[in-house]
Amino acid sequence: QVQLVESGGGLVQPGGSLRLSCVASTSILSIDVMGWYRQAPGKQRESVAVISRGGSTNYADSVKGRFTISRDNAKNTVYLQMNSLKPEDTAVYYCGGKVFGTPQSWGQGTQVTVSS
């Protein structure tokens, strides 16, 4: 039920960096879990990084040490800082929000392409 809008995707060379932003229509402190997910062609959607209402975080092993999820509560915004990007990071990245007891909310997705 919460509306989410992602931005910040684009084309970047291997080793480069991007920062994705996700703006929520309500206070992110009212959302139990927010996160970033990605789906590459021919592959299933996977969790990349999540942050709980209390601020705890979890990362996929494939991005640990390279990606950082953070938030600005005053701006109702969650960020994904992506460093040392690899071609295998190429995917559509989706912002997701979960309020326990209600359906998962999804943004429209933003394309990230890592290629030389």
N, C-alpha and C. Protein backbone atom coordinates (compact mmCIF):
# COMPACT_ATOMS: atom_id res chain seq x y z
N GLN A 1 0.81 -1.21 0.00
CA GLN A 1 0.00 0.00 0.00
C GLN A 1 0.85 1.27 0.00
N VAL A 2 2.08 1.18 0.48
CA VAL A 2 2.97 2.33 0.42
C VAL A 2 3.52 2.44 -1.00
N GLN A 3 3.64 3.67 -1.48
CA GLN A 3 4.21 3.91 -2.80
C GLN A 3 5.71 4.14 -2.68
N LEU A 4 6.48 3.52 -3.58
CA LEU A 4 7.92 3.60 -3.57
C LEU A 4 8.41 4.00 -4.96
N VAL A 5 9.35 4.92 -5.02
CA VAL A 5 9.89 5.40 -6.29
C VAL A 5 11.41 5.35 -6.23
N GLU A 6 12.01 4.55 -7.14
CA GLU A 6 13.47 4.44 -7.21
C GLU A 6 14.03 5.39 -8.25
N SER A 7 15.30 5.74 -8.06
CA SER A 7 16.03 6.52 -9.04
C SER A 7 17.51 6.27 -8.85
N GLY A 8 18.31 6.67 -9.83
CA GLY A 8 19.76 6.60 -9.71
C GLY A 8 20.44 5.55 -10.55
N GLY A 9 19.68 4.72 -11.24
CA GLY A 9 20.28 3.71 -12.08
C GLY A 9 20.92 4.32 -13.31
N GLY A 10 21.68 3.49 -14.02
CA GLY A 10 22.34 3.95 -15.22
C GLY A 10 23.42 3.00 -15.67
N LEU A 11 24.23 3.47 -16.60
CA LEU A 11 25.35 2.71 -17.15
C LEU A 11 26.64 3.14 -16.48
N VAL A 12 27.41 2.18 -15.99
CA VAL A 12 28.66 2.48 -15.31
C VAL A 12 29.69 1.42 -15.70
N GLN A 13 30.96 1.82 -15.73
CA GLN A 13 32.03 0.89 -16.05
C GLN A 13 32.36 -0.01 -14.86
N PRO A 14 32.89 -1.20 -15.12
CA PRO A 14 33.34 -2.04 -14.00
C PRO A 14 34.29 -1.30 -13.09
N GLY A 15 34.09 -1.49 -11.78
CA GLY A 15 34.87 -0.77 -10.79
C GLY A 15 34.29 0.56 -10.38
N GLY A 16 33.27 1.01 -11.08
CA GLY A 16 32.65 2.29 -10.78
C GLY A 16 31.64 2.20 -9.66
N SER A 17 30.95 3.32 -9.42
CA SER A 17 30.01 3.43 -8.32
C SER A 17 28.71 4.08 -8.77
N LEU A 18 27.63 3.72 -8.10
CA LEU A 18 26.33 4.34 -8.26
C LEU A 18 25.65 4.41 -6.90
N ARG A 19 24.76 5.38 -6.74
CA ARG A 19 23.92 5.44 -5.56
C ARG A 19 22.47 5.46 -5.98
N LEU A 20 21.71 4.47 -5.53
CA LEU A 20 20.29 4.39 -5.79
C LEU A 20 19.51 5.02 -4.63
N SER A 21 18.38 5.63 -4.96
CA SER A 21 17.52 6.24 -3.96
C SER A 21 16.11 5.67 -4.07
N CYS A 22 15.44 5.53 -2.96
CA CYS A 22 14.06 5.07 -2.90
C CYS A 22 13.30 5.97 -1.96
N VAL A 23 12.31 6.68 -2.50
CA VAL A 23 11.49 7.60 -1.72
C VAL A 23 10.15 6.95 -1.45
N ALA A 24 9.76 6.90 -0.19
CA ALA A 24 8.50 6.30 0.22
C ALA A 24 7.44 7.38 0.44
N SER A 25 6.18 6.99 0.26
CA SER A 25 5.08 7.93 0.40
C SER A 25 4.70 8.18 1.86
N THR A 26 5.21 7.36 2.75
CA THR A 26 4.96 7.50 4.17
C THR A 26 6.27 7.43 4.92
N SER A 27 6.23 7.69 6.21
CA SER A 27 7.43 7.61 7.03
C SER A 27 8.01 6.21 6.96
N ILE A 28 9.31 6.12 6.67
CA ILE A 28 9.94 4.80 6.60
C ILE A 28 10.06 4.17 7.98
N LEU A 29 9.89 4.95 9.02
CA LEU A 29 9.88 4.38 10.37
C LEU A 29 8.58 3.64 10.66
N SER A 30 7.59 3.77 9.77
CA SER A 30 6.36 3.00 9.88
C SER A 30 6.40 1.71 9.09
N ILE A 31 7.52 1.46 8.39
CA ILE A 31 7.69 0.27 7.57
C ILE A 31 8.65 -0.67 8.29
N ASP A 32 8.24 -1.92 8.47
CA ASP A 32 9.03 -2.84 9.28
C ASP A 32 10.38 -3.17 8.65
N VAL A 33 10.38 -3.45 7.34
CA VAL A 33 11.60 -3.80 6.63
C VAL A 33 11.60 -3.11 5.27
N MET A 34 12.68 -2.43 4.95
CA MET A 34 12.87 -1.89 3.61
C MET A 34 14.14 -2.49 3.03
N GLY A 35 14.15 -2.65 1.73
CA GLY A 35 15.32 -3.25 1.13
C GLY A 35 15.43 -3.03 -0.35
N TRP A 36 16.55 -3.50 -0.88
CA TRP A 36 16.84 -3.47 -2.30
C TRP A 36 16.94 -4.90 -2.81
N TYR A 37 16.33 -5.13 -3.96
CA TYR A 37 16.29 -6.43 -4.60
C TYR A 37 16.66 -6.25 -6.06
N ARG A 38 17.14 -7.30 -6.69
CA ARG A 38 17.51 -7.19 -8.09
C ARG A 38 17.12 -8.44 -8.86
N GLN A 39 16.90 -8.24 -10.15
CA GLN A 39 16.55 -9.34 -11.02
C GLN A 39 17.26 -9.16 -12.36
N ALA A 40 18.11 -10.11 -12.69
CA ALA A 40 18.80 -10.13 -13.97
C ALA A 40 18.00 -10.98 -14.94
N PRO A 41 18.18 -10.76 -16.26
CA PRO A 41 17.45 -11.56 -17.24
C PRO A 41 17.68 -13.06 -17.04
N GLY A 42 16.59 -13.82 -17.02
CA GLY A 42 16.68 -15.26 -16.87
C GLY A 42 16.94 -15.74 -15.46
N LYS A 43 16.98 -14.84 -14.49
CA LYS A 43 17.24 -15.21 -13.11
C LYS A 43 16.10 -14.76 -12.21
N GLN A 44 16.00 -15.38 -11.05
CA GLN A 44 14.98 -15.01 -10.09
C GLN A 44 15.39 -13.74 -9.34
N ARG A 45 14.38 -13.04 -8.85
CA ARG A 45 14.65 -11.86 -8.04
C ARG A 45 15.31 -12.28 -6.73
N GLU A 46 16.33 -11.53 -6.32
CA GLU A 46 17.05 -11.85 -5.12
C GLU A 46 17.19 -10.62 -4.23
N SER A 47 17.28 -10.88 -2.95
CA SER A 47 17.51 -9.81 -1.99
C SER A 47 18.97 -9.38 -2.04
N VAL A 48 19.20 -8.08 -2.05
CA VAL A 48 20.55 -7.51 -2.07
C VAL A 48 20.93 -6.97 -0.70
N ALA A 49 20.08 -6.14 -0.13
CA ALA A 49 20.34 -5.52 1.16
C ALA A 49 19.03 -5.10 1.78
N VAL A 50 18.89 -5.28 3.08
CA VAL A 50 17.67 -4.89 3.78
C VAL A 50 18.04 -4.14 5.06
N ILE A 51 17.12 -3.30 5.50
CA ILE A 51 17.29 -2.56 6.74
C ILE A 51 15.97 -2.58 7.49
N SER A 52 16.02 -2.89 8.76
CA SER A 52 14.82 -2.97 9.57
C SER A 52 14.46 -1.61 10.14
N ARG A 53 13.27 -1.55 10.71
CA ARG A 53 12.83 -0.31 11.34
C ARG A 53 13.81 0.14 12.42
N GLY A 54 14.39 -0.81 13.13
CA GLY A 54 15.34 -0.50 14.17
C GLY A 54 16.74 -0.17 13.68
N GLY A 55 16.99 -0.34 12.38
CA GLY A 55 18.27 0.04 11.81
C GLY A 55 19.24 -1.10 11.56
N SER A 56 18.88 -2.33 11.89
CA SER A 56 19.77 -3.44 11.61
C SER A 56 19.77 -3.75 10.12
N THR A 57 20.88 -4.24 9.60
CA THR A 57 21.04 -4.48 8.17
C THR A 57 21.52 -5.89 7.89
N ASN A 58 21.21 -6.37 6.69
CA ASN A 58 21.70 -7.64 6.19
C ASN A 58 22.00 -7.49 4.71
N TYR A 59 23.06 -8.18 4.27
CA TYR A 59 23.50 -8.10 2.88
C TYR A 59 23.67 -9.48 2.30
N ALA A 60 23.42 -9.58 1.00
CA ALA A 60 23.76 -10.78 0.28
C ALA A 60 25.27 -10.96 0.28
N ASP A 61 25.73 -12.21 0.35
CA ASP A 61 27.16 -12.46 0.37
C ASP A 61 27.87 -11.88 -0.86
N SER A 62 27.18 -11.85 -1.99
CA SER A 62 27.79 -11.40 -3.22
C SER A 62 28.08 -9.90 -3.24
N VAL A 63 27.45 -9.13 -2.36
CA VAL A 63 27.65 -7.68 -2.35
C VAL A 63 28.28 -7.19 -1.06
N LYS A 64 28.46 -8.06 -0.09
CA LYS A 64 29.00 -7.66 1.20
C LYS A 64 30.38 -7.04 1.04
N GLY A 65 30.57 -5.89 1.66
CA GLY A 65 31.82 -5.16 1.55
C GLY A 65 31.87 -4.19 0.40
N ARG A 66 30.92 -4.28 -0.53
CA ARG A 66 30.87 -3.38 -1.67
C ARG A 66 29.66 -2.45 -1.65
N PHE A 67 28.53 -2.94 -1.15
CA PHE A 67 27.29 -2.17 -1.12
C PHE A 67 26.96 -1.78 0.31
N THR A 68 26.31 -0.62 0.47
CA THR A 68 25.87 -0.15 1.77
C THR A 68 24.45 0.39 1.67
N ILE A 69 23.56 -0.11 2.52
CA ILE A 69 22.21 0.43 2.59
C ILE A 69 22.15 1.42 3.75
N SER A 70 21.48 2.53 3.53
CA SER A 70 21.34 3.55 4.56
C SER A 70 20.00 4.25 4.39
N ARG A 71 19.67 5.13 5.31
CA ARG A 71 18.38 5.82 5.24
C ARG A 71 18.49 7.22 5.78
N ASP A 72 17.58 8.06 5.30
CA ASP A 72 17.38 9.41 5.82
C ASP A 72 15.92 9.48 6.22
N ASN A 73 15.65 9.34 7.50
CA ASN A 73 14.28 9.26 7.97
C ASN A 73 13.49 10.54 7.68
N ALA A 74 14.15 11.69 7.79
CA ALA A 74 13.47 12.96 7.55
C ALA A 74 13.01 13.10 6.11
N LYS A 75 13.71 12.45 5.18
CA LYS A 75 13.37 12.51 3.77
C LYS A 75 12.58 11.30 3.29
N ASN A 76 12.25 10.39 4.19
CA ASN A 76 11.54 9.15 3.83
C ASN A 76 12.26 8.41 2.71
N THR A 77 13.58 8.37 2.78
CA THR A 77 14.39 7.85 1.69
C THR A 77 15.37 6.80 2.18
N VAL A 78 15.49 5.73 1.41
CA VAL A 78 16.49 4.69 1.62
C VAL A 78 17.44 4.71 0.43
N TYR A 79 18.72 4.53 0.71
CA TYR A 79 19.75 4.57 -0.32
C TYR A 79 20.47 3.24 -0.42
N LEU A 80 21.02 2.99 -1.59
CA LEU A 80 21.94 1.87 -1.78
C LEU A 80 23.18 2.41 -2.47
N GLN A 81 24.27 2.50 -1.73
CA GLN A 81 25.54 2.91 -2.29
C GLN A 81 26.24 1.67 -2.83
N MET A 82 26.56 1.67 -4.12
CA MET A 82 27.16 0.53 -4.78
C MET A 82 28.55 0.92 -5.26
N ASN A 83 29.57 0.29 -4.72
CA ASN A 83 30.95 0.52 -5.10
C ASN A 83 31.55 -0.73 -5.71
N SER A 84 32.66 -0.55 -6.40
CA SER A 84 33.38 -1.67 -7.02
C SER A 84 32.44 -2.55 -7.84
N LEU A 85 31.65 -1.92 -8.67
CA LEU A 85 30.63 -2.65 -9.42
C LEU A 85 31.25 -3.63 -10.41
N LYS A 86 30.58 -4.75 -10.57
CA LYS A 86 31.01 -5.82 -11.46
C LYS A 86 29.94 -6.05 -12.53
N PRO A 87 30.31 -6.61 -13.68
CA PRO A 87 29.30 -6.90 -14.70
C PRO A 87 28.17 -7.78 -14.19
N GLU A 88 28.44 -8.69 -13.27
CA GLU A 88 27.40 -9.55 -12.73
C GLU A 88 26.41 -8.82 -11.82
N ASP A 89 26.69 -7.55 -11.51
CA ASP A 89 25.73 -6.73 -10.78
C ASP A 89 24.64 -6.17 -11.69
N THR A 90 24.80 -6.33 -13.00
CA THR A 90 23.82 -5.82 -13.94
C THR A 90 22.45 -6.46 -13.70
N ALA A 91 21.44 -5.63 -13.51
CA ALA A 91 20.09 -6.11 -13.21
C ALA A 91 19.16 -4.92 -13.10
N VAL A 92 17.87 -5.21 -13.03
CA VAL A 92 16.89 -4.22 -12.62
C VAL A 92 16.82 -4.26 -11.10
N TYR A 93 17.01 -3.12 -10.47
CA TYR A 93 17.00 -3.03 -9.02
C TYR A 93 15.67 -2.45 -8.56
N TYR A 94 15.06 -3.14 -7.60
CA TYR A 94 13.76 -2.75 -7.07
C TYR A 94 13.87 -2.40 -5.60
N CYS A 95 13.19 -1.36 -5.21
CA CYS A 95 13.01 -1.04 -3.80
C CYS A 95 11.77 -1.77 -3.29
N GLY A 96 11.86 -2.36 -2.13
CA GLY A 96 10.74 -3.04 -1.52
C GLY A 96 10.52 -2.60 -0.09
N GLY A 97 9.27 -2.61 0.32
CA GLY A 97 8.90 -2.28 1.68
C GLY A 97 7.88 -3.25 2.22
N LYS A 98 8.07 -3.66 3.46
CA LYS A 98 7.17 -4.64 4.07
C LYS A 98 6.67 -4.14 5.42
N VAL A 99 5.37 -3.99 5.52
CA VAL A 99 4.71 -3.78 6.80
C VAL A 99 4.10 -5.12 7.18
N PHE A 100 4.51 -5.67 8.31
CA PHE A 100 4.05 -6.99 8.70
C PHE A 100 2.53 -7.04 8.76
N GLY A 101 1.97 -8.07 8.16
CA GLY A 101 0.53 -8.23 8.10
C GLY A 101 -0.12 -7.64 6.88
N THR A 102 0.66 -6.98 6.00
CA THR A 102 0.16 -6.40 4.77
C THR A 102 1.03 -6.86 3.61
N PRO A 103 0.52 -6.75 2.36
CA PRO A 103 1.32 -7.19 1.21
C PRO A 103 2.59 -6.36 1.02
N GLN A 104 3.61 -7.00 0.45
CA GLN A 104 4.84 -6.32 0.09
C GLN A 104 4.56 -5.23 -0.93
N SER A 105 5.21 -4.07 -0.77
CA SER A 105 5.15 -2.99 -1.73
C SER A 105 6.42 -2.96 -2.55
N TRP A 106 6.29 -2.62 -3.83
CA TRP A 106 7.43 -2.58 -4.75
C TRP A 106 7.46 -1.28 -5.52
N GLY A 107 8.67 -0.79 -5.78
CA GLY A 107 8.84 0.29 -6.72
C GLY A 107 8.82 -0.21 -8.14
N GLN A 108 8.98 0.70 -9.09
CA GLN A 108 8.89 0.35 -10.50
C GLN A 108 10.17 -0.26 -11.06
N GLY A 109 11.26 -0.13 -10.35
CA GLY A 109 12.54 -0.66 -10.79
C GLY A 109 13.38 0.36 -11.51
N THR A 110 14.69 0.23 -11.38
CA THR A 110 15.63 1.08 -12.10
C THR A 110 16.77 0.20 -12.63
N GLN A 111 17.13 0.40 -13.88
CA GLN A 111 18.12 -0.44 -14.55
C GLN A 111 19.53 -0.02 -14.16
N VAL A 112 20.33 -0.99 -13.76
CA VAL A 112 21.76 -0.80 -13.52
C VAL A 112 22.51 -1.70 -14.49
N THR A 113 23.35 -1.09 -15.31
CA THR A 113 24.14 -1.84 -16.28
C THR A 113 25.61 -1.55 -16.04
N VAL A 114 26.39 -2.59 -15.80
CA VAL A 114 27.82 -2.48 -15.55
C VAL A 114 28.53 -3.10 -16.75
N SER A 115 29.15 -2.26 -17.56
CA SER A 115 29.76 -2.74 -18.79
C SER A 115 30.80 -1.73 -19.26
N SER A 116 31.85 -2.24 -19.89
CA SER A 116 32.84 -1.38 -20.49
C SER A 116 32.55 -1.13 -21.96
